[in-house]
Amino acid sequence: MEGTRKLRTTVQPGGRIEVSAPDLPVGQTVEVVVTSISPRAARRSVAEILARAPGHRLFTTADEVDAYIRAERQSWND
């Protein structure tokens, strides 16, 4: 069987990594690449990220955004 496969395993005591591919022929040359997977940080919503940013959010509702944009556009015409 040719091609690439992605397997996931756990490092065992002593740094041992075990990979099993019984469908590969004995004696076939293969390449093994090991990539360490870091635990993912908990996903946060955009609102949570913005709430913690310096200066926080400028607007809290869509109406506030609309009013700001209207005022800005009006200032261009003045």
PDB file of N, CA and C in Angstrom:
ATOM      1  N   MET A   1       0.848  -1.186   0.000  1.00  0.00           N
ATOM      2  CA  MET A   1       0.000   0.000   0.000  1.00  0.00           C
ATOM      3  C   MET A   1       0.883   1.234   0.000  1.00  0.00           C
ATOM      4  N   GLU A   2       0.705   2.108  -0.977  1.00  0.00           N
ATOM      5  CA  GLU A   2       1.458   3.343  -1.026  1.00  0.00           C
ATOM      6  C   GLU A   2       0.622   4.470  -0.468  1.00  0.00           C
ATOM      7  N   GLY A   3       1.284   5.551  -0.117  1.00  0.00           N
ATOM      8  CA  GLY A   3       0.554   6.717   0.347  1.00  0.00           C
ATOM      9  C   GLY A   3       0.975   7.127   1.735  1.00  0.00           C
ATOM     10  N   THR A   4       0.235   8.078   2.240  1.00  0.00           N
ATOM     11  CA  THR A   4       0.532   8.636   3.547  1.00  0.00           C
ATOM     12  C   THR A   4      -0.598   8.277   4.486  1.00  0.00           C
ATOM     13  N   ARG A   5      -0.265   8.010   5.695  1.00  0.00           N
ATOM     14  CA  ARG A   5      -1.278   7.771   6.709  1.00  0.00           C
ATOM     15  C   ARG A   5      -0.917   8.573   7.940  1.00  0.00           C
ATOM     16  N   LYS A   6      -1.904   8.956   8.671  1.00  0.00           N
ATOM     17  CA  LYS A   6      -1.688   9.727   9.885  1.00  0.00           C
ATOM     18  C   LYS A   6      -2.171   8.879  11.051  1.00  0.00           C
ATOM     19  N   LEU A   7      -1.273   8.589  11.956  1.00  0.00           N
ATOM     20  CA  LEU A   7      -1.594   7.794  13.135  1.00  0.00           C
ATOM     21  C   LEU A   7      -1.343   8.624  14.369  1.00  0.00           C
ATOM     22  N   ARG A   8      -2.063   8.353  15.414  1.00  0.00           N
ATOM     23  CA  ARG A   8      -1.854   9.057  16.675  1.00  0.00           C
ATOM     24  C   ARG A   8      -1.531   8.012  17.737  1.00  0.00           C
ATOM     25  N   THR A   9      -0.527   8.314  18.534  1.00  0.00           N
ATOM     26  CA  THR A   9      -0.126   7.395  19.592  1.00  0.00           C
ATOM     27  C   THR A   9       0.314   8.197  20.801  1.00  0.00           C
ATOM     28  N   THR A  10       0.587   7.524  21.886  1.00  0.00           N
ATOM     29  CA  THR A  10       1.024   8.168  23.121  1.00  0.00           C
ATOM     30  C   THR A  10       2.438   7.729  23.445  1.00  0.00           C
ATOM     31  N   VAL A  11       3.252   8.674  23.879  1.00  0.00           N
ATOM     32  CA  VAL A  11       4.620   8.347  24.271  1.00  0.00           C
ATOM     33  C   VAL A  11       4.553   7.507  25.547  1.00  0.00           C
ATOM     34  N   GLN A  12       5.222   6.373  25.504  1.00  0.00           N
ATOM     35  CA  GLN A  12       5.243   5.440  26.620  1.00  0.00           C
ATOM     36  C   GLN A  12       6.423   5.758  27.539  1.00  0.00           C
ATOM     37  N   PRO A  13       6.455   5.169  28.720  1.00  0.00           N
ATOM     38  CA  PRO A  13       7.603   5.382  29.619  1.00  0.00           C
ATOM     39  C   PRO A  13       8.920   5.104  28.893  1.00  0.00           C
ATOM     40  N   GLY A  14       9.886   5.897  29.205  1.00  0.00           N
ATOM     41  CA  GLY A  14      11.189   5.746  28.563  1.00  0.00           C
ATOM     42  C   GLY A  14      11.249   6.407  27.198  1.00  0.00           C
ATOM     43  N   GLY A  15      10.206   7.176  26.840  1.00  0.00           N
ATOM     44  CA  GLY A  15      10.202   7.867  25.552  1.00  0.00           C
ATOM     45  C   GLY A  15       9.891   6.959  24.374  1.00  0.00           C
ATOM     46  N   ARG A  16       9.366   5.778  24.632  1.00  0.00           N
ATOM     47  CA  ARG A  16       9.088   4.811  23.569  1.00  0.00           C
ATOM     48  C   ARG A  16       7.786   5.168  22.862  1.00  0.00           C
ATOM     49  N   ILE A  17       7.807   5.094  21.535  1.00  0.00           N
ATOM     50  CA  ILE A  17       6.632   5.337  20.715  1.00  0.00           C
ATOM     51  C   ILE A  17       6.378   4.079  19.907  1.00  0.00           C
ATOM     52  N   GLU A  18       5.149   3.604  19.943  1.00  0.00           N
ATOM     53  CA  GLU A  18       4.808   2.377  19.223  1.00  0.00           C
ATOM     54  C   GLU A  18       3.843   2.694  18.100  1.00  0.00           C
ATOM     55  N   VAL A  19       4.182   2.208  16.896  1.00  0.00           N
ATOM     56  CA  VAL A  19       3.332   2.388  15.726  1.00  0.00           C
ATOM     57  C   VAL A  19       3.052   1.015  15.156  1.00  0.00           C
ATOM     58  N   SER A  20       1.793   0.740  14.878  1.00  0.00           N
ATOM     59  CA  SER A  20       1.417  -0.546  14.313  1.00  0.00           C
ATOM     60  C   SER A  20       0.732  -0.324  12.972  1.00  0.00           C
ATOM     61  N   ALA A  21       1.227  -0.976  11.926  1.00  0.00           N
ATOM     62  CA  ALA A  21       0.636  -0.895  10.594  1.00  0.00           C
ATOM     63  C   ALA A  21       0.691  -2.292   9.975  1.00  0.00           C
ATOM     64  N   PRO A  22      -0.199  -3.194  10.391  1.00  0.00           N
ATOM     65  CA  PRO A  22      -0.129  -4.587   9.955  1.00  0.00           C
ATOM     66  C   PRO A  22      -0.301  -4.779   8.455  1.00  0.00           C
ATOM     67  N   ASP A  23      -0.845  -3.796   7.739  1.00  0.00           N
ATOM     68  CA  ASP A  23      -1.027  -3.954   6.296  1.00  0.00           C
ATOM     69  C   ASP A  23       0.228  -3.604   5.492  1.00  0.00           C
ATOM     70  N   LEU A  24       1.265  -3.095   6.146  1.00  0.00           N
ATOM     71  CA  LEU A  24       2.517  -2.796   5.436  1.00  0.00           C
ATOM     72  C   LEU A  24       3.341  -4.073   5.313  1.00  0.00           C
ATOM     73  N   PRO A  25       3.950  -4.285   4.150  1.00  0.00           N
ATOM     74  CA  PRO A  25       4.762  -5.499   3.969  1.00  0.00           C
ATOM     75  C   PRO A  25       6.038  -5.458   4.809  1.00  0.00           C
ATOM     76  N   VAL A  26       6.398  -6.604   5.347  1.00  0.00           N
ATOM     77  CA  VAL A  26       7.636  -6.725   6.114  1.00  0.00           C
ATOM     78  C   VAL A  26       8.806  -6.357   5.214  1.00  0.00           C
ATOM     79  N   GLY A  27       9.709  -5.518   5.739  1.00  0.00           N
ATOM     80  CA  GLY A  27      10.895  -5.124   4.995  1.00  0.00           C
ATOM     81  C   GLY A  27      10.721  -3.865   4.166  1.00  0.00           C
ATOM     82  N   GLN A  28       9.514  -3.354   4.064  1.00  0.00           N
ATOM     83  CA  GLN A  28       9.289  -2.126   3.291  1.00  0.00           C
ATOM     84  C   GLN A  28       9.889  -0.944   4.040  1.00  0.00           C
ATOM     85  N   THR A  29      10.522  -0.031   3.303  1.00  0.00           N
ATOM     86  CA  THR A  29      11.082   1.173   3.894  1.00  0.00           C
ATOM     87  C   THR A  29       9.971   2.202   4.037  1.00  0.00           C
ATOM     88  N   VAL A  30       9.877   2.788   5.221  1.00  0.00           N
ATOM     89  CA  VAL A  30       8.886   3.831   5.480  1.00  0.00           C
ATOM     90  C   VAL A  30       9.573   4.988   6.178  1.00  0.00           C
ATOM     91  N   GLU A  31       8.933   6.130   6.171  1.00  0.00           N
ATOM     92  CA  GLU A  31       9.435   7.293   6.871  1.00  0.00           C
ATOM     93  C   GLU A  31       8.446   7.632   7.975  1.00  0.00           C
ATOM     94  N   VAL A  32       8.955   7.884   9.166  1.00  0.00           N
ATOM     95  CA  VAL A  32       8.122   8.228  10.307  1.00  0.00           C
ATOM     96  C   VAL A  32       8.478   9.644  10.740  1.00  0.00           C
ATOM     97  N   VAL A  33       7.475  10.512  10.831  1.00  0.00           N
ATOM     98  CA  VAL A  33       7.661  11.884  11.283  1.00  0.00           C
ATOM     99  C   VAL A  33       6.872  12.022  12.575  1.00  0.00           C
ATOM    100  N   VAL A  34       7.514  12.552  13.613  1.00  0.00           N
ATOM    101  CA  VAL A  34       6.859  12.713  14.903  1.00  0.00           C
ATOM    102  C   VAL A  34       6.646  14.198  15.160  1.00  0.00           C
ATOM    103  N   THR A  35       5.393  14.575  15.427  1.00  0.00           N
ATOM    104  CA  THR A  35       5.042  15.950  15.745  1.00  0.00           C
ATOM    105  C   THR A  35       4.391  15.957  17.112  1.00  0.00           C
ATOM    106  N   SER A  36       4.934  16.750  18.008  1.00  0.00           N
ATOM    107  CA  SER A  36       4.363  16.865  19.345  1.00  0.00           C
ATOM    108  C   SER A  36       3.097  17.706  19.278  1.00  0.00           C
ATOM    109  N   ILE A  37       2.040  17.254  19.921  1.00  0.00           N
ATOM    110  CA  ILE A  37       0.768  17.963  19.921  1.00  0.00           C
ATOM    111  C   ILE A  37       0.566  18.581  21.292  1.00  0.00           C
ATOM    112  N   SER A  38       0.497  19.907  21.321  1.00  0.00           N
ATOM    113  CA  SER A  38       0.272  20.616  22.580  1.00  0.00           C
ATOM    114  C   SER A  38      -1.208  20.592  22.893  1.00  0.00           C
ATOM    115  N   PRO A  39      -1.542  20.576  24.153  1.00  0.00           N
ATOM    116  CA  PRO A  39      -2.963  20.668  24.488  1.00  0.00           C
ATOM    117  C   PRO A  39      -3.506  22.006  24.013  1.00  0.00           C
ATOM    118  N   ARG A  40      -4.686  21.992  23.426  1.00  0.00           N
ATOM    119  CA  ARG A  40      -5.290  23.236  22.949  1.00  0.00           C
ATOM    120  C   ARG A  40      -5.795  24.062  24.110  1.00  0.00           C
ATOM    121  N   ALA A  41      -5.604  25.341  23.963  1.00  0.00           N
ATOM    122  CA  ALA A  41      -6.159  26.261  24.960  1.00  0.00           C
ATOM    123  C   ALA A  41      -7.673  26.268  24.785  1.00  0.00           C
ATOM    124  N   ALA A  42      -8.356  26.536  25.841  1.00  0.00           N
ATOM    125  CA  ALA A  42      -9.819  26.603  25.763  1.00  0.00           C
ATOM    126  C   ALA A  42     -10.208  27.679  24.761  1.00  0.00           C
ATOM    127  N   ARG A  43     -11.151  27.371  23.900  1.00  0.00           N
ATOM    128  CA  ARG A  43     -11.592  28.338  22.891  1.00  0.00           C
ATOM    129  C   ARG A  43     -12.438  29.407  23.552  1.00  0.00           C
ATOM    130  N   ARG A  44     -12.144  30.656  23.184  1.00  0.00           N
ATOM    131  CA  ARG A  44     -12.894  31.786  23.730  1.00  0.00           C
ATOM    132  C   ARG A  44     -13.635  32.476  22.599  1.00  0.00           C
ATOM    133  N   SER A  45     -14.741  33.075  22.931  1.00  0.00           N
ATOM    134  CA  SER A  45     -15.506  33.808  21.922  1.00  0.00           C
ATOM    135  C   SER A  45     -14.805  35.136  21.639  1.00  0.00           C
ATOM    136  N   VAL A  46     -15.161  35.734  20.528  1.00  0.00           N
ATOM    137  CA  VAL A  46     -14.606  37.036  20.167  1.00  0.00           C
ATOM    138  C   VAL A  46     -14.952  38.057  21.245  1.00  0.00           C
ATOM    139  N   ALA A  47     -16.161  37.984  21.764  1.00  0.00           N
ATOM    140  CA  ALA A  47     -16.583  38.927  22.806  1.00  0.00           C
ATOM    141  C   ALA A  47     -15.702  38.802  24.043  1.00  0.00           C
ATOM    142  N   GLU A  48     -15.351  37.573  24.420  1.00  0.00           N
ATOM    143  CA  GLU A  48     -14.478  37.372  25.585  1.00  0.00           C
ATOM    144  C   GLU A  48     -13.085  37.949  25.337  1.00  0.00           C
ATOM    145  N   ILE A  49     -12.569  37.737  24.149  1.00  0.00           N
ATOM    146  CA  ILE A  49     -11.233  38.245  23.812  1.00  0.00           C
ATOM    147  C   ILE A  49     -11.236  39.769  23.847  1.00  0.00           C
ATOM    148  N   LEU A  50     -12.252  40.376  23.227  1.00  0.00           N
ATOM    149  CA  LEU A  50     -12.325  41.843  23.204  1.00  0.00           C
ATOM    150  C   LEU A  50     -12.529  42.420  24.599  1.00  0.00           C
ATOM    151  N   ALA A  51     -13.293  41.728  25.430  1.00  0.00           N
ATOM    152  CA  ALA A  51     -13.542  42.224  26.785  1.00  0.00           C
ATOM    153  C   ALA A  51     -12.255  42.294  27.599  1.00  0.00           C
ATOM    154  N   ARG A  52     -11.295  41.453  27.289  1.00  0.00           N
ATOM    155  CA  ARG A  52     -10.024  41.434  28.034  1.00  0.00           C
ATOM    156  C   ARG A  52      -8.948  42.294  27.387  1.00  0.00           C
ATOM    157  N   ALA A  53      -9.238  42.823  26.198  1.00  0.00           N
ATOM    158  CA  ALA A  53      -8.253  43.639  25.486  1.00  0.00           C
ATOM    159  C   ALA A  53      -8.157  45.018  26.131  1.00  0.00           C
ATOM    160  N   PRO A  54      -6.970  45.647  26.034  1.00  0.00           N
ATOM    161  CA  PRO A  54      -6.838  47.001  26.569  1.00  0.00           C
ATOM    162  C   PRO A  54      -7.835  47.933  25.898  1.00  0.00           C
ATOM    163  N   GLY A  55      -8.519  48.723  26.699  1.00  0.00           N
ATOM    164  CA  GLY A  55      -9.512  49.637  26.152  1.00  0.00           C
ATOM    165  C   GLY A  55     -10.882  49.020  25.974  1.00  0.00           C
ATOM    166  N   HIS A  56     -10.954  47.733  26.105  1.00  0.00           N
ATOM    167  CA  HIS A  56     -12.215  46.993  25.970  1.00  0.00           C
ATOM    168  C   HIS A  56     -12.928  47.331  24.672  1.00  0.00           C
ATOM    169  N   ARG A  57     -14.222  47.151  24.649  1.00  0.00           N
ATOM    170  CA  ARG A  57     -14.999  47.425  23.444  1.00  0.00           C
ATOM    171  C   ARG A  57     -15.506  48.853  23.463  1.00  0.00           C
ATOM    172  N   LEU A  58     -15.532  49.441  22.306  1.00  0.00           N
ATOM    173  CA  LEU A  58     -16.035  50.798  22.171  1.00  0.00           C
ATOM    174  C   LEU A  58     -17.564  50.808  22.190  1.00  0.00           C
ATOM    175  N   PHE A  59     -18.176  49.772  21.632  1.00  0.00           N
ATOM    176  CA  PHE A  59     -19.628  49.702  21.515  1.00  0.00           C
ATOM    177  C   PHE A  59     -20.118  48.404  22.151  1.00  0.00           C
ATOM    178  N   THR A  60     -21.336  48.447  22.671  1.00  0.00           N
ATOM    179  CA  THR A  60     -21.902  47.226  23.243  1.00  0.00           C
ATOM    180  C   THR A  60     -23.113  46.728  22.470  1.00  0.00           C
ATOM    181  N   THR A  61     -23.659  47.577  21.585  1.00  0.00           N
ATOM    182  CA  THR A  61     -24.816  47.159  20.786  1.00  0.00           C
ATOM    183  C   THR A  61     -24.633  47.602  19.337  1.00  0.00           C
ATOM    184  N   ALA A  62     -25.394  46.976  18.467  1.00  0.00           N
ATOM    185  CA  ALA A  62     -25.365  47.356  17.053  1.00  0.00           C
ATOM    186  C   ALA A  62     -25.888  48.769  16.865  1.00  0.00           C
ATOM    187  N   ASP A  63     -26.858  49.173  17.676  1.00  0.00           N
ATOM    188  CA  ASP A  63     -27.395  50.533  17.583  1.00  0.00           C
ATOM    189  C   ASP A  63     -26.317  51.578  17.875  1.00  0.00           C
ATOM    190  N   GLU A  64     -25.451  51.298  18.834  1.00  0.00           N
ATOM    191  CA  GLU A  64     -24.351  52.225  19.147  1.00  0.00           C
ATOM    192  C   GLU A  64     -23.390  52.337  17.970  1.00  0.00           C
ATOM    193  N   VAL A  65     -23.133  51.212  17.308  1.00  0.00           N
ATOM    194  CA  VAL A  65     -22.256  51.230  16.133  1.00  0.00           C
ATOM    195  C   VAL A  65     -22.890  52.068  15.031  1.00  0.00           C
ATOM    196  N   ASP A  66     -24.176  51.827  14.768  1.00  0.00           N
ATOM    197  CA  ASP A  66     -24.878  52.593  13.727  1.00  0.00           C
ATOM    198  C   ASP A  66     -24.857  54.093  14.018  1.00  0.00           C
ATOM    199  N   ALA A  67     -25.110  54.473  15.264  1.00  0.00           N
ATOM    200  CA  ALA A  67     -25.111  55.891  15.640  1.00  0.00           C
ATOM    201  C   ALA A  67     -23.734  56.502  15.425  1.00  0.00           C
ATOM    202  N   TYR A  68     -22.687  55.772  15.777  1.00  0.00           N
ATOM    203  CA  TYR A  68     -21.318  56.256  15.594  1.00  0.00           C
ATOM    204  C   TYR A  68     -21.022  56.468  14.109  1.00  0.00           C
ATOM    205  N   ILE A  69     -21.398  55.496  13.290  1.00  0.00           N
ATOM    206  CA  ILE A  69     -21.134  55.603  11.849  1.00  0.00           C
ATOM    207  C   ILE A  69     -21.916  56.765  11.251  1.00  0.00           C
ATOM    208  N   ARG A  70     -23.175  56.930  11.666  1.00  0.00           N
ATOM    209  CA  ARG A  70     -23.962  58.065  11.166  1.00  0.00           C
ATOM    210  C   ARG A  70     -23.291  59.388  11.532  1.00  0.00           C
ATOM    211  N   ALA A  71     -22.827  59.507  12.768  1.00  0.00           N
ATOM    212  CA  ALA A  71     -22.176  60.743  13.211  1.00  0.00           C
ATOM    213  C   ALA A  71     -20.892  60.987  12.430  1.00  0.00           C
ATOM    214  N   GLU A  72     -20.129  59.941  12.184  1.00  0.00           N
ATOM    215  CA  GLU A  72     -18.893  60.090  11.404  1.00  0.00           C
ATOM    216  C   GLU A  72     -19.196  60.551   9.992  1.00  0.00           C
ATOM    217  N   ARG A  73     -20.177  59.918   9.353  1.00  0.00           N
ATOM    218  CA  ARG A  73     -20.533  60.321   7.990  1.00  0.00           C
ATOM    219  C   ARG A  73     -21.032  61.769   7.940  1.00  0.00           C
ATOM    220  N   GLN A  74     -21.793  62.146   8.953  1.00  0.00           N
ATOM    221  CA  GLN A  74     -22.293  63.523   9.012  1.00  0.00           C
ATOM    222  C   GLN A  74     -21.124  64.505   9.147  1.00  0.00           C
ATOM    223  N   SER A  75     -20.101  64.137   9.910  1.00  0.00           N
ATOM    224  CA  SER A  75     -18.954  65.027  10.091  1.00  0.00           C
ATOM    225  C   SER A  75     -18.191  65.221   8.787  1.00  0.00           C
ATOM    226  N   TRP A  76     -18.268  64.280   7.866  1.00  0.00           N
ATOM    227  CA  TRP A  76     -17.594  64.427   6.571  1.00  0.00           C
ATOM    228  C   TRP A  76     -18.289  65.487   5.734  1.00  0.00           C
ATOM    229  N   ASN A  77     -19.596  65.613   5.926  1.00  0.00           N
ATOM    230  CA  ASN A  77     -20.393  66.553   5.118  1.00  0.00           C
ATOM    231  C   ASN A  77     -20.414  67.965   5.712  1.00  0.00           C
ATOM    232  N   ASP A  78     -19.977  68.112   6.937  1.00  0.00           N
ATOM    233  CA  ASP A  78     -19.994  69.432   7.588  1.00  0.00           C
ATOM    234  C   ASP A  78     -18.840  70.293   7.130  1.00  0.00           C
TER     235      ASP A  78
END
